[in-house]
């Protein structure tokens, strides 16, 4: 997946997340959709991490295509 594809996927995830958060704020969110919000947050963290990996590899003169999607347990425990 190239940077452009990752950014497009991030945009799609963000749009879905905003729609669900809007529903939650209106009180119309189903119980299963609460879990979906969490899944979206994890997926977004993974995608942003992958994009950062690709950019770092490119900056270091390495192949960005060797970057890999990291396990959710890793990206969810980063300190910001």
PDB file of N, CA and C in Angstrom:
ATOM      1  N   UNK A   1       0.849  -1.165   0.000  1.00  0.00           N
ATOM      2  CA  UNK A   1       0.000   0.000   0.000  1.00  0.00           C
ATOM      3  C   UNK A   1       0.905   1.242   0.000  1.00  0.00           C
ATOM      4  N   UNK A   2       0.676   2.156  -0.904  1.00  0.00           N
ATOM      5  CA  UNK A   2       1.493   3.370  -0.970  1.00  0.00           C
ATOM      6  C   UNK A   2       0.888   4.473  -0.088  1.00  0.00           C
ATOM      7  N   UNK A   3       1.620   5.566   0.068  1.00  0.00           N
ATOM      8  CA  UNK A   3       1.190   6.653   0.949  1.00  0.00           C
ATOM      9  C   UNK A   3      -0.184   7.191   0.561  1.00  0.00           C
ATOM     10  N   UNK A   4      -0.405   7.348  -0.720  1.00  0.00           N
ATOM     11  CA  UNK A   4      -1.680   7.892  -1.204  1.00  0.00           C
ATOM     12  C   UNK A   4      -2.842   6.974  -0.811  1.00  0.00           C
ATOM     13  N   UNK A   5      -2.649   5.673  -0.955  1.00  0.00           N
ATOM     14  CA  UNK A   5      -3.687   4.702  -0.580  1.00  0.00           C
ATOM     15  C   UNK A   5      -3.934   4.708   0.924  1.00  0.00           C
ATOM     16  N   UNK A   6      -2.862   4.831   1.696  1.00  0.00           N
ATOM     17  CA  UNK A   6      -3.000   4.873   3.156  1.00  0.00           C
ATOM     18  C   UNK A   6      -3.789   6.116   3.558  1.00  0.00           C
ATOM     19  N   UNK A   7      -3.446   7.257   2.976  1.00  0.00           N
ATOM     20  CA  UNK A   7      -4.162   8.492   3.297  1.00  0.00           C
ATOM     21  C   UNK A   7      -5.635   8.419   2.898  1.00  0.00           C
ATOM     22  N   UNK A   8      -5.928   7.788   1.779  1.00  0.00           N
ATOM     23  CA  UNK A   8      -7.324   7.620   1.354  1.00  0.00           C
ATOM     24  C   UNK A   8      -8.076   6.745   2.356  1.00  0.00           C
ATOM     25  N   UNK A   9      -7.421   5.679   2.801  1.00  0.00           N
ATOM     26  CA  UNK A   9      -8.039   4.779   3.780  1.00  0.00           C
ATOM     27  C   UNK A   9      -8.270   5.520   5.105  1.00  0.00           C
ATOM     28  N   UNK A  10      -7.290   6.326   5.524  1.00  0.00           N
ATOM     29  CA  UNK A  10      -7.442   7.122   6.743  1.00  0.00           C
ATOM     30  C   UNK A  10      -8.648   8.048   6.613  1.00  0.00           C
ATOM     31  N   UNK A  11      -8.781   8.688   5.467  1.00  0.00           N
ATOM     32  CA  UNK A  11      -9.915   9.588   5.246  1.00  0.00           C
ATOM     33  C   UNK A  11     -11.245   8.841   5.370  1.00  0.00           C
ATOM     34  N   UNK A  12     -11.318   7.653   4.810  1.00  0.00           N
ATOM     35  CA  UNK A  12     -12.543   6.856   4.898  1.00  0.00           C
ATOM     36  C   UNK A  12     -12.855   6.477   6.346  1.00  0.00           C
ATOM     37  N   UNK A  13     -11.819   6.073   7.091  1.00  0.00           N
ATOM     38  CA  UNK A  13     -12.009   5.705   8.492  1.00  0.00           C
ATOM     39  C   UNK A  13     -12.450   6.914   9.321  1.00  0.00           C
ATOM     40  N   UNK A  14     -11.833   8.062   9.080  1.00  0.00           N
ATOM     41  CA  UNK A  14     -12.191   9.275   9.811  1.00  0.00           C
ATOM     42  C   UNK A  14     -13.634   9.671   9.518  1.00  0.00           C
ATOM     43  N   UNK A  15     -14.044   9.582   8.275  1.00  0.00           N
ATOM     44  CA  UNK A  15     -15.426   9.921   7.923  1.00  0.00           C
ATOM     45  C   UNK A  15     -16.416   9.019   8.648  1.00  0.00           C
ATOM     46  N   UNK A  16     -16.114   7.716   8.680  1.00  0.00           N
ATOM     47  CA  UNK A  16     -16.992   6.790   9.390  1.00  0.00           C
ATOM     48  C   UNK A  16     -17.003   7.086  10.886  1.00  0.00           C
ATOM     49  N   UNK A  17     -15.825   7.367  11.433  1.00  0.00           N
ATOM     50  CA  UNK A  17     -15.730   7.678  12.858  1.00  0.00           C
ATOM     51  C   UNK A  17     -16.552   8.921  13.193  1.00  0.00           C
ATOM     52  N   UNK A  18     -16.443   9.968  12.377  1.00  0.00           N
ATOM     53  CA  UNK A  18     -17.202  11.197  12.629  1.00  0.00           C
ATOM     54  C   UNK A  18     -18.705  10.945  12.577  1.00  0.00           C
ATOM     55  N   UNK A  19     -19.125  10.122  11.635  1.00  0.00           N
ATOM     56  CA  UNK A  19     -20.553   9.793  11.532  1.00  0.00           C
ATOM     57  C   UNK A  19     -21.032   9.079  12.798  1.00  0.00           C
ATOM     58  N   UNK A  20     -20.243   8.123  13.270  1.00  0.00           N
ATOM     59  CA  UNK A  20     -20.640   7.375  14.466  1.00  0.00           C
ATOM     60  C   UNK A  20     -20.580   8.264  15.720  1.00  0.00           C
ATOM     61  N   UNK A  21     -19.585   9.121  15.810  1.00  0.00           N
ATOM     62  CA  UNK A  21     -19.492  10.019  16.964  1.00  0.00           C
ATOM     63  C   UNK A  21     -20.658  11.007  16.975  1.00  0.00           C
ATOM     64  N   UNK A  22     -21.072  11.439  15.803  1.00  0.00           N
ATOM     65  CA  UNK A  22     -22.231  12.329  15.705  1.00  0.00           C
ATOM     66  C   UNK A  22     -23.485  11.607  16.193  1.00  0.00           C
ATOM     67  N   UNK A  23     -23.642  10.351  15.789  1.00  0.00           N
ATOM     68  CA  UNK A  23     -24.791   9.554  16.253  1.00  0.00           C
ATOM     69  C   UNK A  23     -24.753   9.364  17.765  1.00  0.00           C
ATOM     70  N   UNK A  24     -23.534   9.126  18.291  1.00  0.00           N
ATOM     71  CA  UNK A  24     -23.401   8.946  19.737  1.00  0.00           C
ATOM     72  C   UNK A  24     -23.819  10.217  20.467  1.00  0.00           C
ATOM     73  N   UNK A  25     -23.392  11.351  19.953  1.00  0.00           N
ATOM     74  CA  UNK A  25     -23.751  12.625  20.582  1.00  0.00           C
ATOM     75  C   UNK A  25     -25.252  12.891  20.535  1.00  0.00           C
ATOM     76  N   UNK A  26     -25.909  12.364  19.513  1.00  0.00           N
ATOM     77  CA  UNK A  26     -27.365  12.528  19.384  1.00  0.00           C
ATOM     78  C   UNK A  26     -28.128  11.453  20.149  1.00  0.00           C
ATOM     79  N   UNK A  27     -27.403  10.454  20.671  1.00  0.00           N
ATOM     80  CA  UNK A  27     -28.050   9.384  21.429  1.00  0.00           C
ATOM     81  C   UNK A  27     -28.683   8.316  20.556  1.00  0.00           C
ATOM     82  N   UNK A  28     -28.263   8.230  19.295  1.00  0.00           N
ATOM     83  CA  UNK A  28     -28.869   7.258  18.378  1.00  0.00           C
ATOM     84  C   UNK A  28     -27.898   6.148  17.970  1.00  0.00           C
ATOM     85  N   UNK A  29     -26.854   5.958  18.759  1.00  0.00           N
ATOM     86  CA  UNK A  29     -25.845   4.959  18.426  1.00  0.00           C
ATOM     87  C   UNK A  29     -26.229   3.610  19.013  1.00  0.00           C
ATOM     88  N   UNK A  30     -26.194   2.561  18.183  1.00  0.00           N
ATOM     89  CA  UNK A  30     -26.481   1.213  18.654  1.00  0.00           C
ATOM     90  C   UNK A  30     -25.325   0.672  19.480  1.00  0.00           C
ATOM     91  N   UNK A  31     -25.599  -0.318  20.307  1.00  0.00           N
ATOM     92  CA  UNK A  31     -24.580  -0.890  21.194  1.00  0.00           C
ATOM     93  C   UNK A  31     -23.385  -1.439  20.421  1.00  0.00           C
ATOM     94  N   UNK A  32     -23.633  -2.128  19.309  1.00  0.00           N
ATOM     95  CA  UNK A  32     -22.531  -2.689  18.525  1.00  0.00           C
ATOM     96  C   UNK A  32     -21.674  -1.596  17.878  1.00  0.00           C
ATOM     97  N   UNK A  33     -22.256  -0.431  17.707  1.00  0.00           N
ATOM     98  CA  UNK A  33     -21.520   0.664  17.076  1.00  0.00           C
ATOM     99  C   UNK A  33     -20.507   1.300  18.018  1.00  0.00           C
ATOM    100  N   UNK A  34     -20.681   1.134  19.324  1.00  0.00           N
ATOM    101  CA  UNK A  34     -19.674   1.600  20.280  1.00  0.00           C
ATOM    102  C   UNK A  34     -18.370   0.833  20.057  1.00  0.00           C
ATOM    103  N   UNK A  35     -18.482  -0.461  19.842  1.00  0.00           N
ATOM    104  CA  UNK A  35     -17.297  -1.280  19.562  1.00  0.00           C
ATOM    105  C   UNK A  35     -16.674  -0.874  18.239  1.00  0.00           C
ATOM    106  N   UNK A  36     -17.503  -0.520  17.273  1.00  0.00           N
ATOM    107  CA  UNK A  36     -16.982  -0.096  15.969  1.00  0.00           C
ATOM    108  C   UNK A  36     -16.148   1.179  16.114  1.00  0.00           C
ATOM    109  N   UNK A  37     -16.559   2.083  16.969  1.00  0.00           N
ATOM    110  CA  UNK A  37     -15.781   3.304  17.201  1.00  0.00           C
ATOM    111  C   UNK A  37     -14.395   2.926  17.710  1.00  0.00           C
ATOM    112  N   UNK A  38     -14.357   1.998  18.651  1.00  0.00           N
ATOM    113  CA  UNK A  38     -13.059   1.558  19.181  1.00  0.00           C
ATOM    114  C   UNK A  38     -12.211   0.927  18.073  1.00  0.00           C
ATOM    115  N   UNK A  39     -12.820   0.090  17.250  1.00  0.00           N
ATOM    116  CA  UNK A  39     -12.096  -0.538  16.137  1.00  0.00           C
ATOM    117  C   UNK A  39     -11.546   0.520  15.180  1.00  0.00           C
ATOM    118  N   UNK A  40     -12.325   1.538  14.910  1.00  0.00           N
ATOM    119  CA  UNK A  40     -11.877   2.618  14.029  1.00  0.00           C
ATOM    120  C   UNK A  40     -10.682   3.351  14.627  1.00  0.00           C
ATOM    121  N   UNK A  41     -10.738   3.617  15.922  1.00  0.00           N
ATOM    122  CA  UNK A  41      -9.622   4.300  16.588  1.00  0.00           C
ATOM    123  C   UNK A  41      -8.333   3.491  16.462  1.00  0.00           C
ATOM    124  N   UNK A  42      -8.439   2.185  16.678  1.00  0.00           N
ATOM    125  CA  UNK A  42      -7.270   1.305  16.573  1.00  0.00           C
ATOM    126  C   UNK A  42      -6.758   1.280  15.134  1.00  0.00           C
ATOM    127  N   UNK A  43      -7.653   1.139  14.184  1.00  0.00           N
ATOM    128  CA  UNK A  43      -7.259   1.114  12.773  1.00  0.00           C
ATOM    129  C   UNK A  43      -6.593   2.413  12.352  1.00  0.00           C
ATOM    130  N   UNK A  44      -7.119   3.528  12.834  1.00  0.00           N
ATOM    131  CA  UNK A  44      -6.513   4.822  12.514  1.00  0.00           C
ATOM    132  C   UNK A  44      -5.103   4.922  13.098  1.00  0.00           C
ATOM    133  N   UNK A  45      -4.939   4.471  14.333  1.00  0.00           N
ATOM    134  CA  UNK A  45      -3.602   4.487  14.938  1.00  0.00           C
ATOM    135  C   UNK A  45      -2.633   3.636  14.123  1.00  0.00           C
ATOM    136  N   UNK A  46      -3.092   2.476  13.673  1.00  0.00           N
ATOM    137  CA  UNK A  46      -2.239   1.600  12.866  1.00  0.00           C
ATOM    138  C   UNK A  46      -1.871   2.262  11.538  1.00  0.00           C
ATOM    139  N   UNK A  47      -2.838   2.882  10.896  1.00  0.00           N
ATOM    140  CA  UNK A  47      -2.579   3.521   9.601  1.00  0.00           C
ATOM    141  C   UNK A  47      -1.615   4.691   9.735  1.00  0.00           C
ATOM    142  N   UNK A  48      -1.823   5.528  10.759  1.00  0.00           N
ATOM    143  CA  UNK A  48      -0.907   6.649  10.964  1.00  0.00           C
ATOM    144  C   UNK A  48       0.496   6.145  11.262  1.00  0.00           C
ATOM    145  N   UNK A  49       0.595   5.081  12.056  1.00  0.00           N
ATOM    146  CA  UNK A  49       1.901   4.501  12.354  1.00  0.00           C
ATOM    147  C   UNK A  49       2.567   3.986  11.083  1.00  0.00           C
ATOM    148  N   UNK A  50       1.815   3.308  10.245  1.00  0.00           N
ATOM    149  CA  UNK A  50       2.358   2.785   8.988  1.00  0.00           C
ATOM    150  C   UNK A  50       2.854   3.928   8.106  1.00  0.00           C
ATOM    151  N   UNK A  51       2.101   4.993   8.037  1.00  0.00           N
ATOM    152  CA  UNK A  51       2.500   6.152   7.239  1.00  0.00           C
ATOM    153  C   UNK A  51       3.790   6.770   7.794  1.00  0.00           C
ATOM    154  N   UNK A  52       3.871   6.889   9.130  1.00  0.00           N
ATOM    155  CA  UNK A  52       5.105   7.419   9.739  1.00  0.00           C
ATOM    156  C   UNK A  52       6.298   6.501   9.461  1.00  0.00           C
ATOM    157  N   UNK A  53       6.079   5.200   9.531  1.00  0.00           N
ATOM    158  CA  UNK A  53       7.153   4.245   9.221  1.00  0.00           C
ATOM    159  C   UNK A  53       7.643   4.433   7.790  1.00  0.00           C
ATOM    160  N   UNK A  54       6.709   4.549   6.863  1.00  0.00           N
ATOM    161  CA  UNK A  54       7.061   4.702   5.452  1.00  0.00           C
ATOM    162  C   UNK A  54       7.866   5.985   5.236  1.00  0.00           C
ATOM    163  N   UNK A  55       7.429   7.074   5.859  1.00  0.00           N
ATOM    164  CA  UNK A  55       8.135   8.346   5.708  1.00  0.00           C
ATOM    165  C   UNK A  55       9.533   8.275   6.328  1.00  0.00           C
ATOM    166  N   UNK A  56       9.654   7.628   7.480  1.00  0.00           N
ATOM    167  CA  UNK A  56      10.960   7.497   8.134  1.00  0.00           C
ATOM    168  C   UNK A  56      11.899   6.650   7.278  1.00  0.00           C
ATOM    169  N   UNK A  57      11.386   5.569   6.720  1.00  0.00           N
ATOM    170  CA  UNK A  57      12.216   4.719   5.862  1.00  0.00           C
ATOM    171  C   UNK A  57      12.679   5.498   4.634  1.00  0.00           C
ATOM    172  N   UNK A  58      11.770   6.230   4.027  1.00  0.00           N
ATOM    173  CA  UNK A  58      12.112   7.025   2.846  1.00  0.00           C
ATOM    174  C   UNK A  58      13.190   8.052   3.206  1.00  0.00           C
ATOM    175  N   UNK A  59      13.014   8.725   4.342  1.00  0.00           N
ATOM    176  CA  UNK A  59      13.974   9.736   4.794  1.00  0.00           C
ATOM    177  C   UNK A  59      15.354   9.122   5.057  1.00  0.00           C
ATOM    178  N   UNK A  60      15.371   7.870   5.518  1.00  0.00           N
ATOM    179  CA  UNK A  60      16.631   7.175   5.816  1.00  0.00           C
ATOM    180  C   UNK A  60      17.226   6.503   4.585  1.00  0.00           C
ATOM    181  N   UNK A  61      16.593   6.675   3.430  1.00  0.00           N
ATOM    182  CA  UNK A  61      17.092   6.069   2.199  1.00  0.00           C
ATOM    183  C   UNK A  61      16.753   4.591   2.075  1.00  0.00           C
ATOM    184  N   UNK A  62      15.791   4.141   2.874  1.00  0.00           N
ATOM    185  CA  UNK A  62      15.358   2.743   2.834  1.00  0.00           C
ATOM    186  C   UNK A  62      14.072   2.616   2.020  1.00  0.00           C
ATOM    187  N   UNK A  63      13.699   1.395   1.746  1.00  0.00           N
ATOM    188  CA  UNK A  63      12.504   1.107   0.964  1.00  0.00           C
ATOM    189  C   UNK A  63      11.255   1.268   1.834  1.00  0.00           C
ATOM    190  N   UNK A  64      10.386   2.239   1.531  1.00  0.00           N
ATOM    191  CA  UNK A  64       9.180   2.432   2.337  1.00  0.00           C
ATOM    192  C   UNK A  64       8.209   1.256   2.250  1.00  0.00           C
ATOM    193  N   UNK A  65       8.309   0.470   1.184  1.00  0.00           N
ATOM    194  CA  UNK A  65       7.412  -0.668   1.024  1.00  0.00           C
ATOM    195  C   UNK A  65       7.706  -1.797   2.012  1.00  0.00           C
ATOM    196  N   UNK A  66       8.813  -1.692   2.734  1.00  0.00           N
ATOM    197  CA  UNK A  66       9.141  -2.696   3.736  1.00  0.00           C
ATOM    198  C   UNK A  66       8.495  -2.386   5.090  1.00  0.00           C
ATOM    199  N   UNK A  67       7.851  -1.233   5.211  1.00  0.00           N
ATOM    200  CA  UNK A  67       7.117  -0.903   6.442  1.00  0.00           C
ATOM    201  C   UNK A  67       5.941  -1.859   6.567  1.00  0.00           C
ATOM    202  N   UNK A  68       5.627  -2.202   7.805  1.00  0.00           N
ATOM    203  CA  UNK A  68       4.552  -3.166   8.040  1.00  0.00           C
ATOM    204  C   UNK A  68       3.553  -2.626   9.057  1.00  0.00           C
ATOM    205  N   UNK A  69       2.320  -3.032   8.870  1.00  0.00           N
ATOM    206  CA  UNK A  69       1.264  -2.685   9.814  1.00  0.00           C
ATOM    207  C   UNK A  69       1.581  -3.367  11.142  1.00  0.00           C
ATOM    208  N   UNK A  70       1.648  -2.567  12.199  1.00  0.00           N
ATOM    209  CA  UNK A  70       2.000  -3.126  13.509  1.00  0.00           C
ATOM    210  C   UNK A  70       0.765  -3.618  14.243  1.00  0.00           C
ATOM    211  N   UNK A  71       1.007  -4.544  15.146  1.00  0.00           N
ATOM    212  CA  UNK A  71      -0.032  -5.125  15.991  1.00  0.00           C
ATOM    213  C   UNK A  71      -0.729  -4.016  16.791  1.00  0.00           C
ATOM    214  N   UNK A  72      -2.045  -4.102  16.932  1.00  0.00           N
ATOM    215  CA  UNK A  72      -2.778  -3.090  17.694  1.00  0.00           C
ATOM    216  C   UNK A  72      -2.239  -2.914  19.120  1.00  0.00           C
ATOM    217  N   UNK A  73      -1.774  -3.993  19.735  1.00  0.00           N
ATOM    218  CA  UNK A  73      -1.248  -3.886  21.095  1.00  0.00           C
ATOM    219  C   UNK A  73       0.000  -3.014  21.158  1.00  0.00           C
ATOM    220  N   UNK A  74       0.711  -2.916  20.067  1.00  0.00           N
ATOM    221  CA  UNK A  74       1.913  -2.070  20.031  1.00  0.00           C
ATOM    222  C   UNK A  74       1.514  -0.612  19.831  1.00  0.00           C
ATOM    223  N   UNK A  75       0.730  -0.348  18.806  1.00  0.00           N
ATOM    224  CA  UNK A  75       0.398   1.056  18.503  1.00  0.00           C
ATOM    225  C   UNK A  75      -0.528   1.675  19.545  1.00  0.00           C
ATOM    226  N   UNK A  76      -1.283   0.896  20.248  1.00  0.00           N
ATOM    227  CA  UNK A  76      -2.189   1.435  21.255  1.00  0.00           C
ATOM    228  C   UNK A  76      -1.474   1.791  22.555  1.00  0.00           C
ATOM    229  N   UNK A  77      -0.235   1.371  22.689  1.00  0.00           N
ATOM    230  CA  UNK A  77       0.499   1.655  23.920  1.00  0.00           C
ATOM    231  C   UNK A  77       1.638   2.649  23.708  1.00  0.00           C
ATOM    232  N   UNK A  78       1.660   3.322  22.568  1.00  0.00           N
ATOM    233  CA  UNK A  78       2.652   4.377  22.349  1.00  0.00           C
ATOM    234  C   UNK A  78       2.355   5.539  23.279  1.00  0.00           C
ATOM    235  N   UNK A  79       3.387   6.178  23.741  1.00  0.00           N
ATOM    236  CA  UNK A  79       3.215   7.403  24.533  1.00  0.00           C
ATOM    237  C   UNK A  79       3.295   8.579  23.580  1.00  0.00           C
ATOM    238  N   UNK A  80       2.391   9.516  23.745  1.00  0.00           N
ATOM    239  CA  UNK A  80       2.375  10.665  22.830  1.00  0.00           C
ATOM    240  C   UNK A  80       2.845  11.907  23.508  1.00  0.00           C
TER     241      UNK A  80
END
